[in-house]
Amino acid sequence: MRALVWLLRALVFFTLFAFALNNQQDAVVRWFFGVEWHAPMVIVVLVAFGAGCAVGVLAMVPGWWRHRRVARRVESEGGGSPGPMPAPLGAAAGTADHPPRDGL
């Protein structure tokens, strides 16, 4: 399994490397008021990807803070973990692995 994971990583790396080698021509990014940025295409794509990741992480921060606040409140009220997780439906009857059959 580890060899398969490393093979997949190598495939992704060499695919991105080939993409970078094939896109070395200059790209022009035109901003407002006539401002232009000249850079190789692969740099433009990398910056756009990084900016998208940053926006995604920033969008998730309020949720993280909310969950962290709730976890702190539960810890301070109960003095520890919130308790055991409830069993999934059907687990008590031993049918969690096998869904019920209708009509049989």
N, C-alpha and C. Protein backbone atom coordinates (compact mmCIF):
# COMPACT_ATOMS: atom_id res chain seq x y z
N MET A 1 0.82 -1.19 0.00
CA MET A 1 0.00 0.00 0.00
C MET A 1 0.87 1.26 0.00
N ARG A 2 1.95 1.22 0.77
CA ARG A 2 2.84 2.39 0.82
C ARG A 2 3.47 2.65 -0.54
N ALA A 3 3.82 1.58 -1.24
CA ALA A 3 4.42 1.74 -2.57
C ALA A 3 3.42 2.38 -3.52
N LEU A 4 2.14 2.02 -3.40
CA LEU A 4 1.11 2.60 -4.25
C LEU A 4 0.94 4.09 -3.97
N VAL A 5 0.99 4.45 -2.70
CA VAL A 5 0.89 5.87 -2.33
C VAL A 5 2.07 6.66 -2.89
N TRP A 6 3.28 6.10 -2.76
CA TRP A 6 4.45 6.80 -3.29
C TRP A 6 4.41 6.87 -4.82
N LEU A 7 3.89 5.85 -5.45
CA LEU A 7 3.74 5.87 -6.90
C LEU A 7 2.75 6.95 -7.32
N LEU A 8 1.66 7.10 -6.59
CA LEU A 8 0.69 8.15 -6.88
C LEU A 8 1.31 9.53 -6.67
N ARG A 9 2.07 9.69 -5.60
CA ARG A 9 2.74 10.98 -5.36
C ARG A 9 3.72 11.31 -6.47
N ALA A 10 4.49 10.32 -6.90
CA ALA A 10 5.44 10.54 -7.99
C ALA A 10 4.71 10.91 -9.28
N LEU A 11 3.58 10.27 -9.54
CA LEU A 11 2.80 10.58 -10.73
C LEU A 11 2.30 12.02 -10.69
N VAL A 12 1.78 12.45 -9.55
CA VAL A 12 1.31 13.83 -9.42
C VAL A 12 2.48 14.80 -9.57
N PHE A 13 3.62 14.50 -8.95
CA PHE A 13 4.77 15.38 -9.05
C PHE A 13 5.23 15.54 -10.50
N PHE A 14 5.41 14.42 -11.20
CA PHE A 14 5.90 14.50 -12.57
C PHE A 14 4.88 15.12 -13.51
N THR A 15 3.60 14.94 -13.24
CA THR A 15 2.58 15.61 -14.04
C THR A 15 2.67 17.13 -13.86
N LEU A 16 2.79 17.57 -12.62
CA LEU A 16 2.92 19.01 -12.38
C LEU A 16 4.23 19.57 -12.91
N PHE A 17 5.29 18.78 -12.83
CA PHE A 17 6.58 19.20 -13.35
C PHE A 17 6.51 19.37 -14.86
N ALA A 18 5.87 18.41 -15.55
CA ALA A 18 5.71 18.52 -17.00
C ALA A 18 4.84 19.71 -17.36
N PHE A 19 3.81 19.98 -16.56
CA PHE A 19 2.97 21.16 -16.78
C PHE A 19 3.79 22.43 -16.68
N ALA A 20 4.66 22.50 -15.69
CA ALA A 20 5.50 23.68 -15.50
C ALA A 20 6.47 23.85 -16.67
N LEU A 21 7.04 22.77 -17.15
CA LEU A 21 7.98 22.86 -18.27
C LEU A 21 7.28 23.25 -19.56
N ASN A 22 6.04 22.84 -19.74
CA ASN A 22 5.32 23.14 -20.96
C ASN A 22 4.68 24.52 -20.97
N ASN A 23 4.65 25.20 -19.85
CA ASN A 23 3.99 26.50 -19.76
C ASN A 23 4.95 27.56 -19.25
N GLN A 24 6.06 27.72 -19.96
CA GLN A 24 7.05 28.71 -19.55
C GLN A 24 6.86 30.05 -20.25
N GLN A 25 5.93 30.14 -21.20
CA GLN A 25 5.73 31.41 -21.89
C GLN A 25 5.13 32.43 -20.91
N ASP A 26 5.34 33.69 -21.23
CA ASP A 26 4.84 34.75 -20.36
C ASP A 26 3.33 34.88 -20.46
N ALA A 27 2.73 35.18 -19.33
CA ALA A 27 1.31 35.48 -19.26
C ALA A 27 1.17 36.89 -18.71
N VAL A 28 0.13 37.56 -19.13
CA VAL A 28 -0.12 38.92 -18.66
C VAL A 28 -1.40 38.91 -17.85
N VAL A 29 -1.30 39.37 -16.61
CA VAL A 29 -2.47 39.53 -15.77
C VAL A 29 -2.76 41.02 -15.71
N ARG A 30 -3.94 41.40 -16.20
CA ARG A 30 -4.31 42.82 -16.26
C ARG A 30 -5.20 43.14 -15.07
N TRP A 31 -4.75 44.07 -14.24
CA TRP A 31 -5.50 44.52 -13.08
C TRP A 31 -6.27 45.77 -13.47
N PHE A 32 -6.81 46.44 -12.48
CA PHE A 32 -7.56 47.67 -12.74
C PHE A 32 -6.62 48.83 -13.01
N PHE A 33 -7.13 49.84 -13.70
CA PHE A 33 -6.43 51.10 -13.96
C PHE A 33 -5.16 50.89 -14.78
N GLY A 34 -5.14 49.90 -15.65
CA GLY A 34 -4.03 49.70 -16.56
C GLY A 34 -2.80 49.03 -15.95
N VAL A 35 -2.90 48.53 -14.75
CA VAL A 35 -1.78 47.84 -14.12
C VAL A 35 -1.69 46.43 -14.69
N GLU A 36 -0.47 46.03 -15.10
CA GLU A 36 -0.25 44.71 -15.67
C GLU A 36 0.85 43.99 -14.91
N TRP A 37 0.74 42.68 -14.86
CA TRP A 37 1.76 41.84 -14.24
C TRP A 37 2.18 40.80 -15.26
N HIS A 38 3.45 40.78 -15.59
CA HIS A 38 4.01 39.81 -16.54
C HIS A 38 4.77 38.75 -15.74
N ALA A 39 4.42 37.48 -15.97
CA ALA A 39 5.08 36.38 -15.27
C ALA A 39 4.89 35.11 -16.09
N PRO A 40 5.73 34.11 -15.86
CA PRO A 40 5.51 32.82 -16.53
C PRO A 40 4.15 32.23 -16.14
N MET A 41 3.54 31.51 -17.06
CA MET A 41 2.20 30.95 -16.85
C MET A 41 2.14 30.09 -15.59
N VAL A 42 3.16 29.29 -15.34
CA VAL A 42 3.13 28.39 -14.19
C VAL A 42 3.12 29.19 -12.88
N ILE A 43 3.77 30.33 -12.84
CA ILE A 43 3.77 31.18 -11.64
C ILE A 43 2.38 31.77 -11.43
N VAL A 44 1.74 32.19 -12.51
CA VAL A 44 0.39 32.75 -12.41
C VAL A 44 -0.57 31.69 -11.87
N VAL A 45 -0.48 30.47 -12.39
CA VAL A 45 -1.35 29.39 -11.92
C VAL A 45 -1.05 29.06 -10.46
N LEU A 46 0.21 29.01 -10.08
CA LEU A 46 0.59 28.72 -8.70
C LEU A 46 0.08 29.79 -7.75
N VAL A 47 0.20 31.05 -8.13
CA VAL A 47 -0.29 32.14 -7.28
C VAL A 47 -1.82 32.07 -7.15
N ALA A 48 -2.51 31.78 -8.25
CA ALA A 48 -3.97 31.67 -8.20
C ALA A 48 -4.39 30.50 -7.30
N PHE A 49 -3.68 29.38 -7.38
CA PHE A 49 -3.98 28.23 -6.53
C PHE A 49 -3.74 28.58 -5.06
N GLY A 50 -2.61 29.21 -4.77
CA GLY A 50 -2.31 29.61 -3.39
C GLY A 50 -3.33 30.59 -2.84
N ALA A 51 -3.75 31.55 -3.67
CA ALA A 51 -4.75 32.52 -3.23
C ALA A 51 -6.08 31.82 -2.96
N GLY A 52 -6.45 30.86 -3.78
CA GLY A 52 -7.68 30.11 -3.55
C GLY A 52 -7.63 29.31 -2.26
N CYS A 53 -6.49 28.69 -2.00
CA CYS A 53 -6.32 27.95 -0.73
C CYS A 53 -6.43 28.89 0.46
N ALA A 54 -5.81 30.06 0.36
CA ALA A 54 -5.85 31.02 1.46
C ALA A 54 -7.28 31.51 1.71
N VAL A 55 -8.02 31.78 0.65
CA VAL A 55 -9.41 32.23 0.81
C VAL A 55 -10.24 31.11 1.44
N GLY A 56 -10.01 29.87 1.03
CA GLY A 56 -10.74 28.75 1.61
C GLY A 56 -10.46 28.58 3.09
N VAL A 57 -9.21 28.70 3.48
CA VAL A 57 -8.86 28.58 4.90
C VAL A 57 -9.46 29.73 5.70
N LEU A 58 -9.39 30.94 5.16
CA LEU A 58 -9.97 32.08 5.86
C LEU A 58 -11.49 31.95 6.00
N ALA A 59 -12.13 31.32 5.02
CA ALA A 59 -13.57 31.11 5.12
C ALA A 59 -13.92 30.10 6.20
N MET A 60 -13.00 29.19 6.51
CA MET A 60 -13.26 28.16 7.51
C MET A 60 -12.94 28.62 8.93
N VAL A 61 -12.21 29.70 9.10
CA VAL A 61 -11.76 30.15 10.43
C VAL A 61 -12.92 30.42 11.38
N PRO A 62 -14.00 31.12 10.98
CA PRO A 62 -15.10 31.33 11.94
C PRO A 62 -15.70 30.02 12.46
N GLY A 63 -15.84 29.03 11.62
CA GLY A 63 -16.34 27.73 12.08
C GLY A 63 -15.40 27.07 13.05
N TRP A 64 -14.11 27.16 12.78
CA TRP A 64 -13.12 26.60 13.71
C TRP A 64 -13.22 27.27 15.07
N TRP A 65 -13.33 28.60 15.05
CA TRP A 65 -13.43 29.33 16.32
C TRP A 65 -14.68 28.93 17.08
N ARG A 66 -15.80 28.77 16.37
CA ARG A 66 -17.05 28.38 17.01
C ARG A 66 -16.92 26.99 17.65
N HIS A 67 -16.35 26.04 16.92
CA HIS A 67 -16.18 24.70 17.45
C HIS A 67 -15.22 24.69 18.63
N ARG A 68 -14.19 25.51 18.54
CA ARG A 68 -13.23 25.57 19.64
C ARG A 68 -13.88 26.15 20.89
N ARG A 69 -14.72 27.18 20.71
CA ARG A 69 -15.42 27.79 21.84
C ARG A 69 -16.36 26.78 22.49
N VAL A 70 -17.09 26.01 21.68
CA VAL A 70 -18.00 25.00 22.21
C VAL A 70 -17.22 23.91 22.95
N ALA A 71 -16.08 23.48 22.39
CA ALA A 71 -15.28 22.46 23.04
C ALA A 71 -14.75 22.95 24.38
N ARG A 72 -14.33 24.21 24.44
CA ARG A 72 -13.86 24.76 25.71
C ARG A 72 -14.97 24.82 26.74
N ARG A 73 -16.17 25.20 26.29
CA ARG A 73 -17.30 25.29 27.21
C ARG A 73 -17.66 23.91 27.74
N VAL A 74 -17.68 22.90 26.87
CA VAL A 74 -18.00 21.54 27.31
C VAL A 74 -16.94 21.05 28.28
N GLU A 75 -15.68 21.34 28.00
CA GLU A 75 -14.59 20.91 28.87
C GLU A 75 -14.68 21.57 30.23
N SER A 76 -15.02 22.86 30.26
CA SER A 76 -15.10 23.56 31.55
C SER A 76 -16.32 23.12 32.35
N GLU A 77 -17.42 22.80 31.69
CA GLU A 77 -18.62 22.36 32.41
C GLU A 77 -18.50 20.94 32.92
N GLY A 78 -17.97 20.06 32.07
CA GLY A 78 -17.94 18.65 32.44
C GLY A 78 -16.61 18.21 33.00
N GLY A 79 -15.60 19.00 32.86
CA GLY A 79 -14.29 18.64 33.38
C GLY A 79 -13.55 17.64 32.53
N GLY A 80 -13.92 17.47 31.30
CA GLY A 80 -13.22 16.52 30.45
C GLY A 80 -13.91 16.35 29.12
N SER A 81 -13.84 15.14 28.62
CA SER A 81 -14.44 14.87 27.32
C SER A 81 -15.97 14.89 27.43
N PRO A 82 -16.67 15.13 26.34
CA PRO A 82 -18.12 15.23 26.42
C PRO A 82 -18.81 13.91 26.70
N GLY A 83 -18.08 12.81 26.75
CA GLY A 83 -18.67 11.52 27.07
C GLY A 83 -18.59 10.58 25.88
N PRO A 84 -19.09 9.36 26.08
CA PRO A 84 -19.00 8.38 25.00
C PRO A 84 -19.92 8.76 23.85
N MET A 85 -19.50 8.40 22.66
CA MET A 85 -20.32 8.65 21.47
C MET A 85 -21.46 7.64 21.45
N PRO A 86 -22.66 8.06 21.03
CA PRO A 86 -23.76 7.10 20.96
C PRO A 86 -23.52 6.08 19.84
N ALA A 87 -24.03 4.89 20.05
CA ALA A 87 -23.87 3.82 19.05
C ALA A 87 -24.71 4.15 17.83
N PRO A 88 -24.25 3.77 16.63
CA PRO A 88 -25.06 4.00 15.44
C PRO A 88 -26.34 3.18 15.49
N LEU A 89 -27.34 3.62 14.75
CA LEU A 89 -28.61 2.91 14.73
C LEU A 89 -28.41 1.48 14.27
N GLY A 90 -29.01 0.56 14.95
CA GLY A 90 -28.92 -0.84 14.58
C GLY A 90 -27.75 -1.55 15.22
N ALA A 91 -26.84 -0.82 15.84
CA ALA A 91 -25.66 -1.45 16.43
C ALA A 91 -26.04 -2.25 17.67
N ALA A 92 -27.04 -1.80 18.42
CA ALA A 92 -27.44 -2.50 19.63
C ALA A 92 -28.04 -3.86 19.30
N ALA A 93 -28.73 -3.96 18.18
CA ALA A 93 -29.35 -5.23 17.79
C ALA A 93 -28.40 -6.09 16.98
N GLY A 94 -27.20 -5.62 16.72
CA GLY A 94 -26.24 -6.39 15.95
C GLY A 94 -26.48 -6.35 14.45
N THR A 95 -27.18 -5.34 13.98
CA THR A 95 -27.49 -5.25 12.55
C THR A 95 -26.78 -4.10 11.88
N ALA A 96 -25.75 -3.56 12.51
CA ALA A 96 -25.07 -2.41 11.94
C ALA A 96 -24.36 -2.78 10.64
N ASP A 97 -23.84 -4.01 10.56
CA ASP A 97 -23.11 -4.42 9.36
C ASP A 97 -24.03 -4.88 8.25
N HIS A 98 -25.25 -5.30 8.61
CA HIS A 98 -26.17 -5.85 7.62
C HIS A 98 -27.46 -5.03 7.64
N PRO A 99 -27.75 -4.32 6.57
CA PRO A 99 -29.00 -3.53 6.56
C PRO A 99 -30.21 -4.45 6.55
N PRO A 100 -31.33 -4.00 7.08
CA PRO A 100 -32.52 -4.85 7.11
C PRO A 100 -33.04 -5.12 5.71
N ARG A 101 -33.59 -6.30 5.53
CA ARG A 101 -34.18 -6.66 4.24
C ARG A 101 -35.69 -6.46 4.32
N ASP A 102 -36.22 -5.83 3.33
CA ASP A 102 -37.67 -5.61 3.30
C ASP A 102 -38.33 -6.78 2.60
N GLY A 103 -39.40 -7.31 3.20
CA GLY A 103 -40.20 -8.34 2.58
C GLY A 103 -39.65 -9.75 2.71
N LEU A 104 -38.57 -9.97 3.44
CA LEU A 104 -38.04 -11.33 3.60
C LEU A 104 -38.11 -11.79 5.01
